[in-house]
Amino acid sequence: MFQRDEAQKKLNRASQLMSSIGSEKDRWIQTKAKLGEDKQSLLGDMIIVTAFITYLGPFEGKYRNQILREKWQPLVGKYKIKHSPDFSLKNIIGDEEVMANWSIQGLPNENVSFENMIIM
């Protein structure tokens, strides 16, 4: 009798585990698709990241965005190099945990502040 109860408990736990894993399936499928897209745009994104860090640090956010959207993204596209159309320095190379810590330490929650910290 004792073994039957233990076996039933194990089956129940296994069933719960399987259902919780099953609910993650959609998230895993979306993550896989996103990683595939990221892989295709990696070269173009890294070209833009390198140029951004090298040249745009001293400028204000509005000018950074203008150069990025009007000059660099079209230039990369001209050479048929895929890149993220919604490029953001903090989304491409920012670390969520590190940026959250910066916010806790008092960094204003604005894109330019995060970009400045990433550049530094």
PDB file of N, CA and C in Angstrom:
ATOM      1  N   MET A   1       0.820  -1.193   0.000  1.00  0.00           N
ATOM      2  CA  MET A   1       0.000   0.000   0.000  1.00  0.00           C
ATOM      3  C   MET A   1       0.865   1.259   0.000  1.00  0.00           C
ATOM      4  N   PHE A   2       1.933   1.237   0.809  1.00  0.00           N
ATOM      5  CA  PHE A   2       2.814   2.377   0.919  1.00  0.00           C
ATOM      6  C   PHE A   2       3.476   2.672  -0.427  1.00  0.00           C
ATOM      7  N   GLN A   3       3.903   1.632  -1.137  1.00  0.00           N
ATOM      8  CA  GLN A   3       4.555   1.820  -2.433  1.00  0.00           C
ATOM      9  C   GLN A   3       3.583   2.388  -3.452  1.00  0.00           C
ATOM     10  N   ARG A   4       2.333   1.954  -3.372  1.00  0.00           N
ATOM     11  CA  ARG A   4       1.326   2.452  -4.304  1.00  0.00           C
ATOM     12  C   ARG A   4       1.103   3.959  -4.086  1.00  0.00           C
ATOM     13  N   ASP A   5       1.043   4.407  -2.824  1.00  0.00           N
ATOM     14  CA  ASP A   5       0.869   5.832  -2.524  1.00  0.00           C
ATOM     15  C   ASP A   5       2.066   6.638  -3.012  1.00  0.00           C
ATOM     16  N   GLU A   6       3.272   6.119  -2.777  1.00  0.00           N
ATOM     17  CA  GLU A   6       4.481   6.803  -3.243  1.00  0.00           C
ATOM     18  C   GLU A   6       4.495   6.882  -4.768  1.00  0.00           C
ATOM     19  N   ALA A   7       4.119   5.795  -5.420  1.00  0.00           N
ATOM     20  CA  ALA A   7       4.090   5.776  -6.879  1.00  0.00           C
ATOM     21  C   ALA A   7       3.073   6.791  -7.404  1.00  0.00           C
ATOM     22  N   GLN A   8       1.918   6.870  -6.754  1.00  0.00           N
ATOM     23  CA  GLN A   8       0.894   7.831  -7.169  1.00  0.00           C
ATOM     24  C   GLN A   8       1.381   9.266  -6.985  1.00  0.00           C
ATOM     25  N   LYS A   9       2.079   9.526  -5.885  1.00  0.00           N
ATOM     26  CA  LYS A   9       2.629  10.863  -5.641  1.00  0.00           C
ATOM     27  C   LYS A   9       3.655  11.219  -6.718  1.00  0.00           C
ATOM     28  N   LYS A  10       4.493  10.253  -7.060  1.00  0.00           N
ATOM     29  CA  LYS A  10       5.491  10.482  -8.100  1.00  0.00           C
ATOM     30  C   LYS A  10       4.827  10.754  -9.448  1.00  0.00           C
ATOM     31  N   LEU A  11       3.791  10.008  -9.754  1.00  0.00           N
ATOM     32  CA  LEU A  11       3.062  10.232 -10.998  1.00  0.00           C
ATOM     33  C   LEU A  11       2.420  11.611 -11.028  1.00  0.00           C
ATOM     34  N   ASN A  12       1.865  12.022  -9.900  1.00  0.00           N
ATOM     35  CA  ASN A  12       1.249  13.359  -9.813  1.00  0.00           C
ATOM     36  C   ASN A  12       2.294  14.456 -10.020  1.00  0.00           C
ATOM     37  N   ARG A  13       3.440  14.276  -9.364  1.00  0.00           N
ATOM     38  CA  ARG A  13       4.508  15.279  -9.535  1.00  0.00           C
ATOM     39  C   ARG A  13       5.009  15.301 -10.973  1.00  0.00           C
ATOM     40  N   ALA A  14       5.157  14.136 -11.562  1.00  0.00           N
ATOM     41  CA  ALA A  14       5.607  14.055 -12.953  1.00  0.00           C
ATOM     42  C   ALA A  14       4.588  14.718 -13.880  1.00  0.00           C
ATOM     43  N   SER A  15       3.325  14.502 -13.610  1.00  0.00           N
ATOM     44  CA  SER A  15       2.265  15.114 -14.409  1.00  0.00           C
ATOM     45  C   SER A  15       2.300  16.637 -14.295  1.00  0.00           C
ATOM     46  N   GLN A  16       2.515  17.138 -13.076  1.00  0.00           N
ATOM     47  CA  GLN A  16       2.615  18.583 -12.874  1.00  0.00           C
ATOM     48  C   GLN A  16       3.830  19.144 -13.618  1.00  0.00           C
ATOM     49  N   LEU A  17       4.934  18.434 -13.529  1.00  0.00           N
ATOM     50  CA  LEU A  17       6.146  18.869 -14.214  1.00  0.00           C
ATOM     51  C   LEU A  17       5.930  18.922 -15.719  1.00  0.00           C
ATOM     52  N   MET A  18       5.323  17.898 -16.260  1.00  0.00           N
ATOM     53  CA  MET A  18       5.074  17.849 -17.701  1.00  0.00           C
ATOM     54  C   MET A  18       4.144  18.974 -18.142  1.00  0.00           C
ATOM     55  N   SER A  19       3.133  19.272 -17.356  1.00  0.00           N
ATOM     56  CA  SER A  19       2.231  20.356 -17.739  1.00  0.00           C
ATOM     57  C   SER A  19       2.929  21.710 -17.654  1.00  0.00           C
ATOM     58  N   SER A  20       3.804  21.888 -16.663  1.00  0.00           N
ATOM     59  CA  SER A  20       4.519  23.163 -16.565  1.00  0.00           C
ATOM     60  C   SER A  20       5.528  23.307 -17.700  1.00  0.00           C
ATOM     61  N   ILE A  21       6.159  22.217 -18.092  1.00  0.00           N
ATOM     62  CA  ILE A  21       7.088  22.257 -19.218  1.00  0.00           C
ATOM     63  C   ILE A  21       6.323  22.526 -20.508  1.00  0.00           C
ATOM     64  N   GLY A  22       5.164  21.929 -20.633  1.00  0.00           N
ATOM     65  CA  GLY A  22       4.340  22.131 -21.826  1.00  0.00           C
ATOM     66  C   GLY A  22       3.943  23.580 -22.007  1.00  0.00           C
ATOM     67  N   SER A  23       3.695  24.288 -20.919  1.00  0.00           N
ATOM     68  CA  SER A  23       3.304  25.691 -21.025  1.00  0.00           C
ATOM     69  C   SER A  23       4.483  26.563 -21.462  1.00  0.00           C
ATOM     70  N   GLU A  24       5.699  26.052 -21.311  1.00  0.00           N
ATOM     71  CA  GLU A  24       6.885  26.793 -21.736  1.00  0.00           C
ATOM     72  C   GLU A  24       7.163  26.609 -23.229  1.00  0.00           C
ATOM     73  N   LYS A  25       6.478  25.671 -23.847  1.00  0.00           N
ATOM     74  CA  LYS A  25       6.747  25.349 -25.252  1.00  0.00           C
ATOM     75  C   LYS A  25       6.624  26.579 -26.151  1.00  0.00           C
ATOM     76  N   ASP A  26       5.557  27.350 -26.001  1.00  0.00           N
ATOM     77  CA  ASP A  26       5.359  28.532 -26.840  1.00  0.00           C
ATOM     78  C   ASP A  26       6.474  29.547 -26.636  1.00  0.00           C
ATOM     79  N   ARG A  27       6.867  29.735 -25.380  1.00  0.00           N
ATOM     80  CA  ARG A  27       7.944  30.678 -25.096  1.00  0.00           C
ATOM     81  C   ARG A  27       9.245  30.217 -25.745  1.00  0.00           C
ATOM     82  N   TRP A  28       9.513  28.918 -25.683  1.00  0.00           N
ATOM     83  CA  TRP A  28      10.731  28.379 -26.292  1.00  0.00           C
ATOM     84  C   TRP A  28      10.708  28.546 -27.814  1.00  0.00           C
ATOM     85  N   ILE A  29       9.559  28.352 -28.416  1.00  0.00           N
ATOM     86  CA  ILE A  29       9.425  28.515 -29.865  1.00  0.00           C
ATOM     87  C   ILE A  29       9.680  29.967 -30.248  1.00  0.00           C
ATOM     88  N   GLN A  30       9.123  30.904 -29.486  1.00  0.00           N
ATOM     89  CA  GLN A  30       9.349  32.329 -29.751  1.00  0.00           C
ATOM     90  C   GLN A  30      10.813  32.708 -29.552  1.00  0.00           C
ATOM     91  N   THR A  31      11.419  32.177 -28.507  1.00  0.00           N
ATOM     92  CA  THR A  31      12.828  32.463 -28.234  1.00  0.00           C
ATOM     93  C   THR A  31      13.704  31.934 -29.364  1.00  0.00           C
ATOM     94  N   LYS A  32      13.409  30.738 -29.837  1.00  0.00           N
ATOM     95  CA  LYS A  32      14.172  30.149 -30.936  1.00  0.00           C
ATOM     96  C   LYS A  32      14.057  31.009 -32.189  1.00  0.00           C
ATOM     97  N   ALA A  33      12.859  31.479 -32.497  1.00  0.00           N
ATOM     98  CA  ALA A  33      12.667  32.334 -33.667  1.00  0.00           C
ATOM     99  C   ALA A  33      13.431  33.642 -33.510  1.00  0.00           C
ATOM    100  N   LYS A  34      13.386  34.235 -32.328  1.00  0.00           N
ATOM    101  CA  LYS A  34      14.091  35.499 -32.061  1.00  0.00           C
ATOM    102  C   LYS A  34      15.596  35.306 -32.203  1.00  0.00           C
ATOM    103  N   LEU A  35      16.123  34.197 -31.681  1.00  0.00           N
ATOM    104  CA  LEU A  35      17.557  33.925 -31.809  1.00  0.00           C
ATOM    105  C   LEU A  35      17.961  33.749 -33.272  1.00  0.00           C
ATOM    106  N   GLY A  36      17.093  33.139 -34.054  1.00  0.00           N
ATOM    107  CA  GLY A  36      17.364  32.986 -35.486  1.00  0.00           C
ATOM    108  C   GLY A  36      17.442  34.341 -36.184  1.00  0.00           C
ATOM    109  N   GLU A  37      16.517  35.235 -35.837  1.00  0.00           N
ATOM    110  CA  GLU A  37      16.543  36.583 -36.401  1.00  0.00           C
ATOM    111  C   GLU A  37      17.794  37.326 -35.942  1.00  0.00           C
ATOM    112  N   ASP A  38      18.113  37.213 -34.656  1.00  0.00           N
ATOM    113  CA  ASP A  38      19.291  37.888 -34.112  1.00  0.00           C
ATOM    114  C   ASP A  38      20.566  37.405 -34.795  1.00  0.00           C
ATOM    115  N   LYS A  39      20.624  36.106 -35.076  1.00  0.00           N
ATOM    116  CA  LYS A  39      21.805  35.548 -35.727  1.00  0.00           C
ATOM    117  C   LYS A  39      21.982  36.140 -37.125  1.00  0.00           C
ATOM    118  N   GLN A  40      20.878  36.311 -37.833  1.00  0.00           N
ATOM    119  CA  GLN A  40      20.955  36.854 -39.193  1.00  0.00           C
ATOM    120  C   GLN A  40      21.386  38.321 -39.196  1.00  0.00           C
ATOM    121  N   SER A  41      21.043  39.065 -38.142  1.00  0.00           N
ATOM    122  CA  SER A  41      21.373  40.492 -38.106  1.00  0.00           C
ATOM    123  C   SER A  41      22.623  40.789 -37.280  1.00  0.00           C
ATOM    124  N   LEU A  42      23.311  39.766 -36.824  1.00  0.00           N
ATOM    125  CA  LEU A  42      24.456  39.953 -35.927  1.00  0.00           C
ATOM    126  C   LEU A  42      25.563  40.801 -36.562  1.00  0.00           C
ATOM    127  N   LEU A  43      25.952  40.507 -37.763  1.00  0.00           N
ATOM    128  CA  LEU A  43      27.045  41.249 -38.407  1.00  0.00           C
ATOM    129  C   LEU A  43      26.701  42.728 -38.539  1.00  0.00           C
ATOM    130  N   GLY A  44      25.548  43.031 -39.087  1.00  0.00           N
ATOM    131  CA  GLY A  44      25.143  44.419 -39.258  1.00  0.00           C
ATOM    132  C   GLY A  44      25.012  45.144 -37.928  1.00  0.00           C
ATOM    133  N   ASP A  45      24.446  44.474 -36.927  1.00  0.00           N
ATOM    134  CA  ASP A  45      24.305  45.089 -35.604  1.00  0.00           C
ATOM    135  C   ASP A  45      25.668  45.390 -34.991  1.00  0.00           C
ATOM    136  N   MET A  46      26.622  44.498 -35.156  1.00  0.00           N
ATOM    137  CA  MET A  46      27.945  44.720 -34.570  1.00  0.00           C
ATOM    138  C   MET A  46      28.705  45.828 -35.306  1.00  0.00           C
ATOM    139  N   ILE A  47      28.485  45.955 -36.602  1.00  0.00           N
ATOM    140  CA  ILE A  47      29.081  47.073 -37.334  1.00  0.00           C
ATOM    141  C   ILE A  47      28.538  48.390 -36.782  1.00  0.00           C
ATOM    142  N   ILE A  48      27.226  48.447 -36.592  1.00  0.00           N
ATOM    143  CA  ILE A  48      26.605  49.672 -36.073  1.00  0.00           C
ATOM    144  C   ILE A  48      27.020  49.920 -34.626  1.00  0.00           C
ATOM    145  N   VAL A  49      27.080  48.870 -33.797  1.00  0.00           N
ATOM    146  CA  VAL A  49      27.519  49.024 -32.405  1.00  0.00           C
ATOM    147  C   VAL A  49      28.927  49.601 -32.352  1.00  0.00           C
ATOM    148  N   THR A  50      29.808  49.056 -33.172  1.00  0.00           N
ATOM    149  CA  THR A  50      31.194  49.517 -33.182  1.00  0.00           C
ATOM    150  C   THR A  50      31.283  50.988 -33.579  1.00  0.00           C
ATOM    151  N   ALA A  51      30.563  51.365 -34.615  1.00  0.00           N
ATOM    152  CA  ALA A  51      30.561  52.764 -35.048  1.00  0.00           C
ATOM    153  C   ALA A  51      29.930  53.658 -33.982  1.00  0.00           C
ATOM    154  N   PHE A  52      28.851  53.193 -33.381  1.00  0.00           N
ATOM    155  CA  PHE A  52      28.148  53.955 -32.347  1.00  0.00           C
ATOM    156  C   PHE A  52      29.088  54.265 -31.183  1.00  0.00           C
ATOM    157  N   ILE A  53      29.733  53.235 -30.670  1.00  0.00           N
ATOM    158  CA  ILE A  53      30.623  53.414 -29.515  1.00  0.00           C
ATOM    159  C   ILE A  53      31.830  54.273 -29.888  1.00  0.00           C
ATOM    160  N   THR A  54      32.346  54.084 -31.086  1.00  0.00           N
ATOM    161  CA  THR A  54      33.537  54.813 -31.510  1.00  0.00           C
ATOM    162  C   THR A  54      33.269  56.298 -31.768  1.00  0.00           C
ATOM    163  N   TYR A  55      32.151  56.607 -32.393  1.00  0.00           N
ATOM    164  CA  TYR A  55      31.939  57.970 -32.863  1.00  0.00           C
ATOM    165  C   TYR A  55      30.849  58.773 -32.160  1.00  0.00           C
ATOM    166  N   LEU A  56      29.824  58.142 -31.627  1.00  0.00           N
ATOM    167  CA  LEU A  56      28.667  58.911 -31.165  1.00  0.00           C
ATOM    168  C   LEU A  56      28.650  59.261 -29.685  1.00  0.00           C
ATOM    169  N   GLY A  57      29.600  58.794 -28.915  1.00  0.00           N
ATOM    170  CA  GLY A  57      29.619  59.063 -27.483  1.00  0.00           C
ATOM    171  C   GLY A  57      29.491  60.518 -27.087  1.00  0.00           C
ATOM    172  N   PRO A  58      30.203  61.437 -27.736  1.00  0.00           N
ATOM    173  CA  PRO A  58      30.159  62.837 -27.303  1.00  0.00           C
ATOM    174  C   PRO A  58      28.860  63.579 -27.646  1.00  0.00           C
ATOM    175  N   PHE A  59      27.994  62.984 -28.438  1.00  0.00           N
ATOM    176  CA  PHE A  59      26.834  63.700 -28.942  1.00  0.00           C
ATOM    177  C   PHE A  59      25.569  63.426 -28.129  1.00  0.00           C
ATOM    178  N   GLU A  60      24.600  64.322 -28.246  1.00  0.00           N
ATOM    179  CA  GLU A  60      23.323  64.165 -27.545  1.00  0.00           C
ATOM    180  C   GLU A  60      22.470  63.094 -28.225  1.00  0.00           C
ATOM    181  N   GLY A  61      21.477  62.608 -27.501  1.00  0.00           N
ATOM    182  CA  GLY A  61      20.660  61.497 -27.973  1.00  0.00           C
ATOM    183  C   GLY A  61      19.952  61.740 -29.279  1.00  0.00           C
ATOM    184  N   LYS A  62      19.433  62.950 -29.478  1.00  0.00           N
ATOM    185  CA  LYS A  62      18.702  63.259 -30.711  1.00  0.00           C
ATOM    186  C   LYS A  62      19.628  63.130 -31.927  1.00  0.00           C
ATOM    187  N   TYR A  63      20.835  63.646 -31.799  1.00  0.00           N
ATOM    188  CA  TYR A  63      21.795  63.572 -32.907  1.00  0.00           C
ATOM    189  C   TYR A  63      22.240  62.126 -33.129  1.00  0.00           C
ATOM    190  N   ARG A  64      22.440  61.386 -32.045  1.00  0.00           N
ATOM    191  CA  ARG A  64      22.816  59.964 -32.169  1.00  0.00           C
ATOM    192  C   ARG A  64      21.770  59.227 -32.997  1.00  0.00           C
ATOM    193  N   ASN A  65      20.503  59.416 -32.643  1.00  0.00           N
ATOM    194  CA  ASN A  65      19.425  58.732 -33.361  1.00  0.00           C
ATOM    195  C   ASN A  65      19.346  59.168 -34.814  1.00  0.00           C
ATOM    196  N   GLN A  66      19.557  60.453 -35.063  1.00  0.00           N
ATOM    197  CA  GLN A  66      19.505  60.965 -36.425  1.00  0.00           C
ATOM    198  C   GLN A  66      20.586  60.303 -37.282  1.00  0.00           C
ATOM    199  N   ILE A  67      21.811  60.276 -36.786  1.00  0.00           N
ATOM    200  CA  ILE A  67      22.904  59.642 -37.528  1.00  0.00           C
ATOM    201  C   ILE A  67      22.621  58.158 -37.738  1.00  0.00           C
ATOM    202  N   LEU A  68      22.171  57.517 -36.684  1.00  0.00           N
ATOM    203  CA  LEU A  68      21.876  56.089 -36.752  1.00  0.00           C
ATOM    204  C   LEU A  68      20.817  55.795 -37.801  1.00  0.00           C
ATOM    205  N   ARG A  69      19.691  56.477 -37.737  1.00  0.00           N
ATOM    206  CA  ARG A  69      18.551  56.180 -38.620  1.00  0.00           C
ATOM    207  C   ARG A  69      18.739  56.695 -40.050  1.00  0.00           C
ATOM    208  N   GLU A  70      19.359  57.883 -40.178  1.00  0.00           N
ATOM    209  CA  GLU A  70      19.445  58.497 -41.500  1.00  0.00           C
ATOM    210  C   GLU A  70      20.711  58.140 -42.264  1.00  0.00           C
ATOM    211  N   LYS A  71      21.756  57.759 -41.567  1.00  0.00           N
ATOM    212  CA  LYS A  71      23.036  57.512 -42.243  1.00  0.00           C
ATOM    213  C   LYS A  71      23.484  56.053 -42.159  1.00  0.00           C
ATOM    214  N   TRP A  72      23.675  55.570 -40.928  1.00  0.00           N
ATOM    215  CA  TRP A  72      24.334  54.275 -40.757  1.00  0.00           C
ATOM    216  C   TRP A  72      23.459  53.095 -41.131  1.00  0.00           C
ATOM    217  N   GLN A  73      22.208  53.083 -40.690  1.00  0.00           N
ATOM    218  CA  GLN A  73      21.358  51.957 -41.058  1.00  0.00           C
ATOM    219  C   GLN A  73      21.153  51.869 -42.576  1.00  0.00           C
ATOM    220  N   PRO A  74      20.883  53.001 -43.254  1.00  0.00           N
ATOM    221  CA  PRO A  74      20.784  52.909 -44.720  1.00  0.00           C
ATOM    222  C   PRO A  74      22.093  52.467 -45.383  1.00  0.00           C
ATOM    223  N   LEU A  75      23.229  52.899 -44.832  1.00  0.00           N
ATOM    224  CA  LEU A  75      24.518  52.508 -45.401  1.00  0.00           C
ATOM    225  C   LEU A  75      24.745  51.002 -45.264  1.00  0.00           C
ATOM    226  N   VAL A  76      24.464  50.467 -44.105  1.00  0.00           N
ATOM    227  CA  VAL A  76      24.600  49.022 -43.903  1.00  0.00           C
ATOM    228  C   VAL A  76      23.629  48.282 -44.826  1.00  0.00           C
ATOM    229  N   GLY A  77      22.414  48.790 -44.937  1.00  0.00           N
ATOM    230  CA  GLY A  77      21.426  48.189 -45.830  1.00  0.00           C
ATOM    231  C   GLY A  77      21.828  48.259 -47.297  1.00  0.00           C
ATOM    232  N   LYS A  78      22.506  49.329 -47.671  1.00  0.00           N
ATOM    233  CA  LYS A  78      22.967  49.504 -49.050  1.00  0.00           C
ATOM    234  C   LYS A  78      23.869  48.351 -49.475  1.00  0.00           C
ATOM    235  N   TYR A  79      24.657  47.842 -48.552  1.00  0.00           N
ATOM    236  CA  TYR A  79      25.558  46.733 -48.836  1.00  0.00           C
ATOM    237  C   TYR A  79      24.927  45.371 -48.553  1.00  0.00           C
ATOM    238  N   LYS A  80      23.607  45.375 -48.396  1.00  0.00           N
ATOM    239  CA  LYS A  80      22.816  44.145 -48.198  1.00  0.00           C
ATOM    240  C   LYS A  80      23.245  43.368 -46.948  1.00  0.00           C
ATOM    241  N   ILE A  81      23.669  44.116 -45.934  1.00  0.00           N
ATOM    242  CA  ILE A  81      24.026  43.497 -44.655  1.00  0.00           C
ATOM    243  C   ILE A  81      22.814  43.647 -43.739  1.00  0.00           C
ATOM    244  N   LYS A  82      22.285  42.527 -43.293  1.00  0.00           N
ATOM    245  CA  LYS A  82      21.097  42.577 -42.431  1.00  0.00           C
ATOM    246  C   LYS A  82      21.458  43.156 -41.073  1.00  0.00           C
ATOM    247  N   HIS A  83      20.518  43.922 -40.534  1.00  0.00           N
ATOM    248  CA  HIS A  83      20.672  44.511 -39.207  1.00  0.00           C
ATOM    249  C   HIS A  83      19.284  44.649 -38.579  1.00  0.00           C
ATOM    250  N   SER A  84      19.247  44.879 -37.301  1.00  0.00           N
ATOM    251  CA  SER A  84      17.966  45.055 -36.612  1.00  0.00           C
ATOM    252  C   SER A  84      17.357  46.389 -37.020  1.00  0.00           C
ATOM    253  N   PRO A  85      16.143  46.365 -37.559  1.00  0.00           N
ATOM    254  CA  PRO A  85      15.519  47.622 -37.977  1.00  0.00           C
ATOM    255  C   PRO A  85      15.205  48.539 -36.780  1.00  0.00           C
ATOM    256  N   ASP A  86      15.009  47.942 -35.625  1.00  0.00           N
ATOM    257  CA  ASP A  86      14.711  48.718 -34.410  1.00  0.00           C
ATOM    258  C   ASP A  86      15.944  48.761 -33.506  1.00  0.00           C
ATOM    259  N   PHE A  87      17.103  49.014 -34.112  1.00  0.00           N
ATOM    260  CA  PHE A  87      18.377  48.988 -33.396  1.00  0.00           C
ATOM    261  C   PHE A  87      18.338  49.889 -32.160  1.00  0.00           C
ATOM    262  N   SER A  88      18.852  49.343 -31.072  1.00  0.00           N
ATOM    263  CA  SER A  88      19.029  50.091 -29.826  1.00  0.00           C
ATOM    264  C   SER A  88      20.274  49.529 -29.164  1.00  0.00           C
ATOM    265  N   LEU A  89      21.203  50.402 -28.826  1.00  0.00           N
ATOM    266  CA  LEU A  89      22.456  49.954 -28.219  1.00  0.00           C
ATOM    267  C   LEU A  89      22.187  49.128 -26.971  1.00  0.00           C
ATOM    268  N   LYS A  90      21.259  49.594 -26.137  1.00  0.00           N
ATOM    269  CA  LYS A  90      21.000  48.868 -24.895  1.00  0.00           C
ATOM    270  C   LYS A  90      20.318  47.524 -25.145  1.00  0.00           C
ATOM    271  N   ASN A  91      19.534  47.404 -26.208  1.00  0.00           N
ATOM    272  CA  ASN A  91      18.902  46.114 -26.514  1.00  0.00           C
ATOM    273  C   ASN A  91      19.879  45.133 -27.155  1.00  0.00           C
ATOM    274  N   ILE A  92      20.849  45.651 -27.903  1.00  0.00           N
ATOM    275  CA  ILE A  92      21.783  44.778 -28.609  1.00  0.00           C
ATOM    276  C   ILE A  92      22.891  44.282 -27.685  1.00  0.00           C
ATOM    277  N   ILE A  93      23.533  45.178 -26.931  1.00  0.00           N
ATOM    278  CA  ILE A  93      24.655  44.729 -26.100  1.00  0.00           C
ATOM    279  C   ILE A  93      24.467  45.031 -24.614  1.00  0.00           C
ATOM    280  N   GLY A  94      23.334  45.601 -24.245  1.00  0.00           N
ATOM    281  CA  GLY A  94      23.086  45.885 -22.834  1.00  0.00           C
ATOM    282  C   GLY A  94      22.777  44.617 -22.056  1.00  0.00           C
ATOM    283  N   ASP A  95      23.150  44.605 -20.805  1.00  0.00           N
ATOM    284  CA  ASP A  95      22.880  43.483 -19.906  1.00  0.00           C
ATOM    285  C   ASP A  95      21.758  43.911 -18.959  1.00  0.00           C
ATOM    286  N   GLU A  96      20.620  43.226 -19.037  1.00  0.00           N
ATOM    287  CA  GLU A  96      19.433  43.602 -18.252  1.00  0.00           C
ATOM    288  C   GLU A  96      19.744  43.735 -16.763  1.00  0.00           C
ATOM    289  N   GLU A  97      20.475  42.794 -16.230  1.00  0.00           N
ATOM    290  CA  GLU A  97      20.788  42.794 -14.803  1.00  0.00           C
ATOM    291  C   GLU A  97      21.669  43.985 -14.433  1.00  0.00           C
ATOM    292  N   VAL A  98      22.669  44.255 -15.236  1.00  0.00           N
ATOM    293  CA  VAL A  98      23.573  45.379 -14.978  1.00  0.00           C
ATOM    294  C   VAL A  98      22.806  46.697 -15.085  1.00  0.00           C
ATOM    295  N   MET A  99      21.957  46.821 -16.109  1.00  0.00           N
ATOM    296  CA  MET A  99      21.194  48.051 -16.287  1.00  0.00           C
ATOM    297  C   MET A  99      20.198  48.259 -15.148  1.00  0.00           C
ATOM    298  N   ALA A 100      19.610  47.174 -14.657  1.00  0.00           N
ATOM    299  CA  ALA A 100      18.714  47.291 -13.507  1.00  0.00           C
ATOM    300  C   ALA A 100      19.478  47.793 -12.285  1.00  0.00           C
ATOM    301  N   ASN A 101      20.692  47.313 -12.120  1.00  0.00           N
ATOM    302  CA  ASN A 101      21.528  47.769 -11.008  1.00  0.00           C
ATOM    303  C   ASN A 101      21.857  49.253 -11.151  1.00  0.00           C
ATOM    304  N   TRP A 102      22.131  49.703 -12.378  1.00  0.00           N
ATOM    305  CA  TRP A 102      22.385  51.124 -12.601  1.00  0.00           C
ATOM    306  C   TRP A 102      21.175  51.956 -12.187  1.00  0.00           C
ATOM    307  N   SER A 103      19.997  51.478 -12.530  1.00  0.00           N
ATOM    308  CA  SER A 103      18.772  52.197 -12.158  1.00  0.00           C
ATOM    309  C   SER A 103      18.617  52.254 -10.650  1.00  0.00           C
ATOM    310  N   ILE A 104      18.902  51.151  -9.976  1.00  0.00           N
ATOM    311  CA  ILE A 104      18.821  51.113  -8.513  1.00  0.00           C
ATOM    312  C   ILE A 104      19.803  52.106  -7.903  1.00  0.00           C
ATOM    313  N   GLN A 105      20.959  52.246  -8.544  1.00  0.00           N
ATOM    314  CA  GLN A 105      21.986  53.165  -8.050  1.00  0.00           C
ATOM    315  C   GLN A 105      21.669  54.630  -8.360  1.00  0.00           C
ATOM    316  N   GLY A 106      20.587  54.881  -9.106  1.00  0.00           N
ATOM    317  CA  GLY A 106      20.158  56.254  -9.353  1.00  0.00           C
ATOM    318  C   GLY A 106      20.309  56.761 -10.777  1.00  0.00           C
ATOM    319  N   LEU A 107      20.736  55.924 -11.706  1.00  0.00           N
ATOM    320  CA  LEU A 107      20.846  56.348 -13.095  1.00  0.00           C
ATOM    321  C   LEU A 107      19.449  56.636 -13.635  1.00  0.00           C
ATOM    322  N   PRO A 108      19.250  57.781 -14.280  1.00  0.00           N
ATOM    323  CA  PRO A 108      17.919  58.062 -14.854  1.00  0.00           C
ATOM    324  C   PRO A 108      17.526  56.969 -15.849  1.00  0.00           C
ATOM    325  N   ASN A 109      16.265  56.620 -15.825  1.00  0.00           N
ATOM    326  CA  ASN A 109      15.754  55.543 -16.680  1.00  0.00           C
ATOM    327  C   ASN A 109      15.436  56.096 -18.064  1.00  0.00           C
ATOM    328  N   GLU A 110      16.475  56.488 -18.772  1.00  0.00           N
ATOM    329  CA  GLU A 110      16.333  56.998 -20.131  1.00  0.00           C
ATOM    330  C   GLU A 110      17.402  56.376 -21.009  1.00  0.00           C
ATOM    331  N   ASN A 111      17.092  56.264 -22.273  1.00  0.00           N
ATOM    332  CA  ASN A 111      17.953  55.566 -23.216  1.00  0.00           C
ATOM    333  C   ASN A 111      19.355  56.157 -23.283  1.00  0.00           C
ATOM    334  N   VAL A 112      19.465  57.491 -23.331  1.00  0.00           N
ATOM    335  CA  VAL A 112      20.785  58.130 -23.476  1.00  0.00           C
ATOM    336  C   VAL A 112      21.670  57.825 -22.268  1.00  0.00           C
ATOM    337  N   SER A 113      21.099  57.805 -21.072  1.00  0.00           N
ATOM    338  CA  SER A 113      21.889  57.496 -19.888  1.00  0.00           C
ATOM    339  C   SER A 113      22.431  56.073 -19.957  1.00  0.00           C
ATOM    340  N   PHE A 114      21.605  55.137 -20.398  1.00  0.00           N
ATOM    341  CA  PHE A 114      22.068  53.754 -20.534  1.00  0.00           C
ATOM    342  C   PHE A 114      23.135  53.654 -21.618  1.00  0.00           C
ATOM    343  N   GLU A 115      22.918  54.352 -22.733  1.00  0.00           N
ATOM    344  CA  GLU A 115      23.932  54.348 -23.788  1.00  0.00           C
ATOM    345  C   GLU A 115      25.260  54.882 -23.268  1.00  0.00           C
ATOM    346  N   ASN A 116      25.217  55.973 -22.517  1.00  0.00           N
ATOM    347  CA  ASN A 116      26.452  56.559 -21.980  1.00  0.00           C
ATOM    348  C   ASN A 116      27.182  55.572 -21.079  1.00  0.00           C
ATOM    349  N   MET A 117      26.434  54.873 -20.246  1.00  0.00           N
ATOM    350  CA  MET A 117      27.063  53.894 -19.354  1.00  0.00           C
ATOM    351  C   MET A 117      27.655  52.728 -20.151  1.00  0.00           C
ATOM    352  N   ILE A 118      26.967  52.288 -21.181  1.00  0.00           N
ATOM    353  CA  ILE A 118      27.482  51.199 -22.006  1.00  0.00           C
ATOM    354  C   ILE A 118      28.758  51.649 -22.708  1.00  0.00           C
ATOM    355  N   ILE A 119      28.772  52.865 -23.221  1.00  0.00           N
ATOM    356  CA  ILE A 119      29.951  53.386 -23.904  1.00  0.00           C
ATOM    357  C   ILE A 119      31.132  53.480 -22.949  1.00  0.00           C
ATOM    358  N   MET A 120      30.859  53.908 -21.725  1.00  0.00           N
ATOM    359  CA  MET A 120      31.942  54.027 -20.742  1.00  0.00           C
ATOM    360  C   MET A 120      32.440  52.656 -20.353  1.00  0.00           C
TER     361      MET A 120
END
